[in-house]
Amino acid sequence: VQEVTIASNLKDMFLGIEAVGKDVVVR
């Protein structure tokens, strides 16, 4: 998929974290 827009609110996004994977990437 390309050229799409995703939208939300940061508060809702942080409250909506369901899981964090163990596939850690360091940037």
PDB file of all heavy atoms in Angstrom:
ATOM      1  N   VAL A   1       0.861  -1.182   0.000  1.00  0.00           N
ATOM      2  CA  VAL A   1       0.000   0.000   0.000  1.00  0.00           C
ATOM      3  C   VAL A   1       0.899   1.234   0.000  1.00  0.00           C
ATOM      4  O   VAL A   1       1.905   1.269   0.712  1.00  0.00           O
ATOM      5  CB  VAL A   1      -0.902   0.025   1.258  1.00  0.00           C
ATOM      6  CG1 VAL A   1      -1.693   1.311   1.338  1.00  0.00           C
ATOM      7  CG2 VAL A   1      -1.813  -1.182   1.291  1.00  0.00           C
ATOM      8  N   GLN A   2       0.534   2.233  -0.795  1.00  0.00           N
ATOM      9  CA  GLN A   2       1.278   3.496  -0.791  1.00  0.00           C
ATOM     10  C   GLN A   2       0.321   4.652  -0.997  1.00  0.00           C
ATOM     11  O   GLN A   2      -0.829   4.460  -1.359  1.00  0.00           O
ATOM     12  CB  GLN A   2       2.371   3.501  -1.854  1.00  0.00           C
ATOM     13  CG  GLN A   2       1.864   3.341  -3.270  1.00  0.00           C
ATOM     14  CD  GLN A   2       3.006   3.211  -4.262  1.00  0.00           C
ATOM     15  OE1 GLN A   2       4.151   3.053  -3.890  1.00  0.00           O
ATOM     16  NE2 GLN A   2       2.687   3.283  -5.539  1.00  0.00           N
ATOM     17  N   GLU A   3       0.807   5.851  -0.718  1.00  0.00           N
ATOM     18  CA  GLU A   3       0.050   7.083  -0.908  1.00  0.00           C
ATOM     19  C   GLU A   3      -1.291   7.085  -0.187  1.00  0.00           C
ATOM     20  O   GLU A   3      -2.324   7.435  -0.760  1.00  0.00           O
ATOM     21  CB  GLU A   3      -0.129   7.368  -2.400  1.00  0.00           C
ATOM     22  CG  GLU A   3       1.190   7.589  -3.112  1.00  0.00           C
ATOM     23  CD  GLU A   3       1.021   7.919  -4.585  1.00  0.00           C
ATOM     24  OE1 GLU A   3      -0.100   8.244  -5.012  1.00  0.00           O
ATOM     25  OE2 GLU A   3       2.019   7.861  -5.301  1.00  0.00           O
ATOM     26  N   VAL A   4      -1.276   6.674   1.090  1.00  0.00           N
ATOM     27  CA  VAL A   4      -2.475   6.773   1.924  1.00  0.00           C
ATOM     28  C   VAL A   4      -2.176   7.764   3.046  1.00  0.00           C
ATOM     29  O   VAL A   4      -1.021   8.123   3.288  1.00  0.00           O
ATOM     30  CB  VAL A   4      -2.908   5.418   2.516  1.00  0.00           C
ATOM     31  CG1 VAL A   4      -3.309   4.462   1.417  1.00  0.00           C
ATOM     32  CG2 VAL A   4      -1.847   4.829   3.397  1.00  0.00           C
ATOM     33  N   THR A   5      -3.227   8.202   3.696  1.00  0.00           N
ATOM     34  CA  THR A   5      -3.088   9.084   4.851  1.00  0.00           C
ATOM     35  C   THR A   5      -3.632   8.367   6.069  1.00  0.00           C
ATOM     36  O   THR A   5      -4.696   7.737   6.003  1.00  0.00           O
ATOM     37  CB  THR A   5      -3.872  10.394   4.628  1.00  0.00           C
ATOM     38  OG1 THR A   5      -3.342  11.061   3.478  1.00  0.00           O
ATOM     39  CG2 THR A   5      -3.761  11.311   5.833  1.00  0.00           C
ATOM     40  N   ILE A   6      -2.888   8.438   7.176  1.00  0.00           N
ATOM     41  CA  ILE A   6      -3.396   7.917   8.443  1.00  0.00           C
ATOM     42  C   ILE A   6      -3.626   9.104   9.373  1.00  0.00           C
ATOM     43  O   ILE A   6      -2.869  10.073   9.337  1.00  0.00           O
ATOM     44  CB  ILE A   6      -2.442   6.881   9.078  1.00  0.00           C
ATOM     45  CG1 ILE A   6      -1.051   7.460   9.320  1.00  0.00           C
ATOM     46  CG2 ILE A   6      -2.363   5.630   8.211  1.00  0.00           C
ATOM     47  CD1 ILE A   6      -0.122   6.548  10.087  1.00  0.00           C
ATOM     48  N   ALA A   7      -4.676   9.039  10.168  1.00  0.00           N
ATOM     49  CA  ALA A   7      -5.008  10.168  11.034  1.00  0.00           C
ATOM     50  C   ALA A   7      -5.593   9.683  12.355  1.00  0.00           C
ATOM     51  O   ALA A   7      -6.266   8.661  12.418  1.00  0.00           O
ATOM     52  CB  ALA A   7      -6.002  11.087  10.335  1.00  0.00           C
ATOM     53  N   SER A   8      -5.309  10.450  13.394  1.00  0.00           N
ATOM     54  CA  SER A   8      -5.842  10.180  14.730  1.00  0.00           C
ATOM     55  C   SER A   8      -5.490  11.368  15.613  1.00  0.00           C
ATOM     56  O   SER A   8      -5.211  12.460  15.119  1.00  0.00           O
ATOM     57  CB  SER A   8      -5.256   8.881  15.290  1.00  0.00           C
ATOM     58  OG  SER A   8      -5.895   8.532  16.497  1.00  0.00           O
ATOM     59  N   ASN A   9      -5.461  11.140  16.902  1.00  0.00           N
ATOM     60  CA  ASN A   9      -5.019  12.131  17.871  1.00  0.00           C
ATOM     61  C   ASN A   9      -3.977  11.459  18.742  1.00  0.00           C
ATOM     62  O   ASN A   9      -4.137  10.283  19.112  1.00  0.00           O
ATOM     63  CB  ASN A   9      -6.211  12.612  18.716  1.00  0.00           C
ATOM     64  CG  ASN A   9      -5.809  13.700  19.674  1.00  0.00           C
ATOM     65  OD1 ASN A   9      -5.277  13.418  20.740  1.00  0.00           O
ATOM     66  ND2 ASN A   9      -6.041  14.944  19.297  1.00  0.00           N
ATOM     67  N   LEU A  10      -2.893  12.164  19.071  1.00  0.00           N
ATOM     68  CA  LEU A  10      -1.803  11.562  19.842  1.00  0.00           C
ATOM     69  C   LEU A  10      -2.288  10.936  21.148  1.00  0.00           C
ATOM     70  O   LEU A  10      -1.857   9.844  21.516  1.00  0.00           O
ATOM     71  CB  LEU A  10      -0.709  12.594  20.125  1.00  0.00           C
ATOM     72  CG  LEU A  10       0.132  13.015  18.936  1.00  0.00           C
ATOM     73  CD1 LEU A  10       1.096  14.130  19.338  1.00  0.00           C
ATOM     74  CD2 LEU A  10       0.895  11.840  18.364  1.00  0.00           C
ATOM     75  N   LYS A  11      -3.197  11.619  21.829  1.00  0.00           N
ATOM     76  CA  LYS A  11      -3.717  11.066  23.089  1.00  0.00           C
ATOM     77  C   LYS A  11      -4.384   9.715  22.842  1.00  0.00           C
ATOM     78  O   LYS A  11      -4.115   8.741  23.547  1.00  0.00           O
ATOM     79  CB  LYS A  11      -4.711  12.039  23.722  1.00  0.00           C
ATOM     80  CG  LYS A  11      -5.288  11.553  25.033  1.00  0.00           C
ATOM     81  CD  LYS A  11      -6.286  12.566  25.587  1.00  0.00           C
ATOM     82  CE  LYS A  11      -7.545  11.844  25.930  1.00  0.00           C
ATOM     83  NZ  LYS A  11      -8.701  12.620  26.099  1.00  0.00           N
ATOM     84  N   ASP A  12      -5.215   9.648  21.810  1.00  0.00           N
ATOM     85  CA  ASP A  12      -5.898   8.397  21.478  1.00  0.00           C
ATOM     86  C   ASP A  12      -4.897   7.330  21.045  1.00  0.00           C
ATOM     87  O   ASP A  12      -5.058   6.143  21.366  1.00  0.00           O
ATOM     88  CB  ASP A  12      -6.921   8.616  20.366  1.00  0.00           C
ATOM     89  CG  ASP A  12      -8.043   9.545  20.796  1.00  0.00           C
ATOM     90  OD1 ASP A  12      -8.333   9.606  22.009  1.00  0.00           O
ATOM     91  OD2 ASP A  12      -8.616  10.223  19.918  1.00  0.00           O
ATOM     92  N   MET A  13      -3.854   7.747  20.326  1.00  0.00           N
ATOM     93  CA  MET A  13      -2.840   6.790  19.879  1.00  0.00           C
ATOM     94  C   MET A  13      -2.081   6.204  21.066  1.00  0.00           C
ATOM     95  O   MET A  13      -1.890   4.988  21.148  1.00  0.00           O
ATOM     96  CB  MET A  13      -1.886   7.460  18.888  1.00  0.00           C
ATOM     97  CG  MET A  13      -2.549   7.806  17.566  1.00  0.00           C
ATOM     98  SD  MET A  13      -1.575   8.903  16.531  1.00  0.00           S
ATOM     99  CE  MET A  13      -0.215   7.834  16.079  1.00  0.00           C
ATOM    100  N   PHE A  14      -1.650   7.057  21.982  1.00  0.00           N
ATOM    101  CA  PHE A  14      -0.919   6.552  23.150  1.00  0.00           C
ATOM    102  C   PHE A  14      -1.810   5.668  24.013  1.00  0.00           C
ATOM    103  O   PHE A  14      -1.374   4.626  24.506  1.00  0.00           O
ATOM    104  CB  PHE A  14      -0.333   7.696  23.969  1.00  0.00           C
ATOM    105  CG  PHE A  14       0.866   8.342  23.329  1.00  0.00           C
ATOM    106  CD1 PHE A  14       0.913   9.710  23.156  1.00  0.00           C
ATOM    107  CD2 PHE A  14       1.943   7.591  22.900  1.00  0.00           C
ATOM    108  CE1 PHE A  14       2.010  10.318  22.562  1.00  0.00           C
ATOM    109  CE2 PHE A  14       3.043   8.175  22.302  1.00  0.00           C
ATOM    110  CZ  PHE A  14       3.081   9.540  22.131  1.00  0.00           C
ATOM    111  N   LEU A  15      -3.069   6.080  24.197  1.00  0.00           N
ATOM    112  CA  LEU A  15      -4.003   5.249  24.977  1.00  0.00           C
ATOM    113  C   LEU A  15      -4.359   3.962  24.238  1.00  0.00           C
ATOM    114  O   LEU A  15      -4.774   2.988  24.861  1.00  0.00           O
ATOM    115  CB  LEU A  15      -5.273   6.036  25.289  1.00  0.00           C
ATOM    116  CG  LEU A  15      -5.126   7.158  26.308  1.00  0.00           C
ATOM    117  CD1 LEU A  15      -6.410   7.992  26.386  1.00  0.00           C
ATOM    118  CD2 LEU A  15      -4.765   6.603  27.671  1.00  0.00           C
ATOM    119  N   GLY A  16      -4.194   3.972  22.914  1.00  0.00           N
ATOM    120  CA  GLY A  16      -4.566   2.825  22.093  1.00  0.00           C
ATOM    121  C   GLY A  16      -3.435   1.867  21.784  1.00  0.00           C
ATOM    122  O   GLY A  16      -3.580   1.018  20.902  1.00  0.00           O
ATOM    123  N   ILE A  17      -2.317   1.962  22.484  1.00  0.00           N
ATOM    124  CA  ILE A  17      -1.234   1.000  22.272  1.00  0.00           C
ATOM    125  C   ILE A  17      -1.676  -0.341  22.850  1.00  0.00           C
ATOM    126  O   ILE A  17      -1.890  -0.478  24.047  1.00  0.00           O
ATOM    127  CB  ILE A  17       0.083   1.464  22.916  1.00  0.00           C
ATOM    128  CG1 ILE A  17       0.594   2.733  22.231  1.00  0.00           C
ATOM    129  CG2 ILE A  17       1.138   0.346  22.841  1.00  0.00           C
ATOM    130  CD1 ILE A  17       1.824   3.346  22.871  1.00  0.00           C
ATOM    131  N   GLU A  18      -1.832  -1.328  21.977  1.00  0.00           N
ATOM    132  CA  GLU A  18      -2.268  -2.651  22.408  1.00  0.00           C
ATOM    133  C   GLU A  18      -1.097  -3.579  22.694  1.00  0.00           C
ATOM    134  O   GLU A  18      -1.199  -4.452  23.545  1.00  0.00           O
ATOM    135  CB  GLU A  18      -3.185  -3.264  21.366  1.00  0.00           C
ATOM    136  CG  GLU A  18      -4.512  -2.529  21.278  1.00  0.00           C
ATOM    137  CD  GLU A  18      -5.537  -3.280  20.455  1.00  0.00           C
ATOM    138  OE1 GLU A  18      -5.241  -4.375  19.939  1.00  0.00           O
ATOM    139  OE2 GLU A  18      -6.654  -2.761  20.334  1.00  0.00           O
ATOM    140  N   ALA A  19      -0.003  -3.400  21.964  1.00  0.00           N
ATOM    141  CA  ALA A  19       1.163  -4.258  22.172  1.00  0.00           C
ATOM    142  C   ALA A  19       2.391  -3.616  21.546  1.00  0.00           C
ATOM    143  O   ALA A  19       2.289  -2.852  20.595  1.00  0.00           O
ATOM    144  CB  ALA A  19       0.927  -5.640  21.558  1.00  0.00           C
ATOM    145  N   VAL A  20       3.543  -3.951  22.107  1.00  0.00           N
ATOM    146  CA  VAL A  20       4.836  -3.546  21.542  1.00  0.00           C
ATOM    147  C   VAL A  20       5.605  -4.828  21.272  1.00  0.00           C
ATOM    148  O   VAL A  20       5.716  -5.691  22.144  1.00  0.00           O
ATOM    149  CB  VAL A  20       5.621  -2.633  22.508  1.00  0.00           C
ATOM    150  CG1 VAL A  20       6.981  -2.272  21.911  1.00  0.00           C
ATOM    151  CG2 VAL A  20       4.823  -1.378  22.829  1.00  0.00           C
ATOM    152  N   GLY A  21       6.111  -4.951  20.066  1.00  0.00           N
ATOM    153  CA  GLY A  21       6.792  -6.177  19.663  1.00  0.00           C
ATOM    154  C   GLY A  21       8.200  -6.302  20.229  1.00  0.00           C
ATOM    155  O   GLY A  21       8.799  -5.334  20.676  1.00  0.00           O
ATOM    156  N   LYS A  22       8.711  -7.528  20.155  1.00  0.00           N
ATOM    157  CA  LYS A  22      10.077  -7.783  20.604  1.00  0.00           C
ATOM    158  C   LYS A  22      11.085  -7.585  19.470  1.00  0.00           C
ATOM    159  O   LYS A  22      12.278  -7.786  19.656  1.00  0.00           O
ATOM    160  CB  LYS A  22      10.190  -9.187  21.202  1.00  0.00           C
ATOM    161  CG  LYS A  22       9.927 -10.324  20.243  1.00  0.00           C
ATOM    162  CD  LYS A  22      10.037 -11.653  20.950  1.00  0.00           C
ATOM    163  CE  LYS A  22       9.729 -12.803  20.007  1.00  0.00           C
ATOM    164  NZ  LYS A  22       9.799 -14.090  20.708  1.00  0.00           N
ATOM    165  N   ASP A  23      10.616  -7.125  18.306  1.00  0.00           N
ATOM    166  CA  ASP A  23      11.463  -6.878  17.132  1.00  0.00           C
ATOM    167  C   ASP A  23      12.066  -5.467  17.218  1.00  0.00           C
ATOM    168  O   ASP A  23      11.808  -4.625  16.379  1.00  0.00           O
ATOM    169  CB  ASP A  23      10.660  -7.055  15.850  1.00  0.00           C
ATOM    170  CG  ASP A  23       9.438  -6.152  15.780  1.00  0.00           C
ATOM    171  OD1 ASP A  23       8.877  -5.816  16.846  1.00  0.00           O
ATOM    172  OD2 ASP A  23       9.043  -5.776  14.665  1.00  0.00           O
ATOM    173  N   VAL A  24      12.885  -5.245  18.206  1.00  0.00           N
ATOM    174  CA  VAL A  24      13.412  -3.909  18.504  1.00  0.00           C
ATOM    175  C   VAL A  24      14.355  -3.418  17.403  1.00  0.00           C
ATOM    176  O   VAL A  24      15.251  -4.131  16.959  1.00  0.00           O
ATOM    177  CB  VAL A  24      14.139  -3.904  19.867  1.00  0.00           C
ATOM    178  CG1 VAL A  24      14.788  -2.552  20.138  1.00  0.00           C
ATOM    179  CG2 VAL A  24      13.152  -4.259  20.975  1.00  0.00           C
ATOM    180  N   VAL A  25      14.110  -2.183  16.979  1.00  0.00           N
ATOM    181  CA  VAL A  25      14.968  -1.492  16.017  1.00  0.00           C
ATOM    182  C   VAL A  25      15.530  -0.269  16.728  1.00  0.00           C
ATOM    183  O   VAL A  25      14.805   0.462  17.399  1.00  0.00           O
ATOM    184  CB  VAL A  25      14.168  -1.053  14.766  1.00  0.00           C
ATOM    185  CG1 VAL A  25      14.999  -0.176  13.859  1.00  0.00           C
ATOM    186  CG2 VAL A  25      13.654  -2.269  14.018  1.00  0.00           C
ATOM    187  N   VAL A  26      16.844  -0.053  16.584  1.00  0.00           N
ATOM    188  CA  VAL A  26      17.486   1.106  17.192  1.00  0.00           C
ATOM    189  C   VAL A  26      17.696   2.151  16.105  1.00  0.00           C
ATOM    190  O   VAL A  26      18.281   1.859  15.064  1.00  0.00           O
ATOM    191  CB  VAL A  26      18.841   0.723  17.832  1.00  0.00           C
ATOM    192  CG1 VAL A  26      19.536   1.944  18.387  1.00  0.00           C
ATOM    193  CG2 VAL A  26      18.635  -0.342  18.901  1.00  0.00           C
ATOM    194  N   ARG A  27      17.184   3.363  16.349  1.00  0.00           N
ATOM    195  CA  ARG A  27      17.386   4.488  15.432  1.00  0.00           C
ATOM    196  C   ARG A  27      18.007   5.603  16.246  1.00  0.00           C
ATOM    197  O   ARG A  27      17.322   6.269  17.025  1.00  0.00           O
ATOM    198  CB  ARG A  27      16.059   4.944  14.839  1.00  0.00           C
ATOM    199  CG  ARG A  27      15.405   3.868  13.993  1.00  0.00           C
ATOM    200  CD  ARG A  27      15.126   4.365  12.583  1.00  0.00           C
ATOM    201  NE  ARG A  27      14.794   3.273  11.702  1.00  0.00           N
ATOM    202  CZ  ARG A  27      13.569   2.938  11.361  1.00  0.00           C
ATOM    203  NH1 ARG A  27      12.552   3.615  11.815  1.00  0.00           N
ATOM    204  NH2 ARG A  27      13.356   1.928  10.555  1.00  0.00           N
TER     205      ARG A  27
END
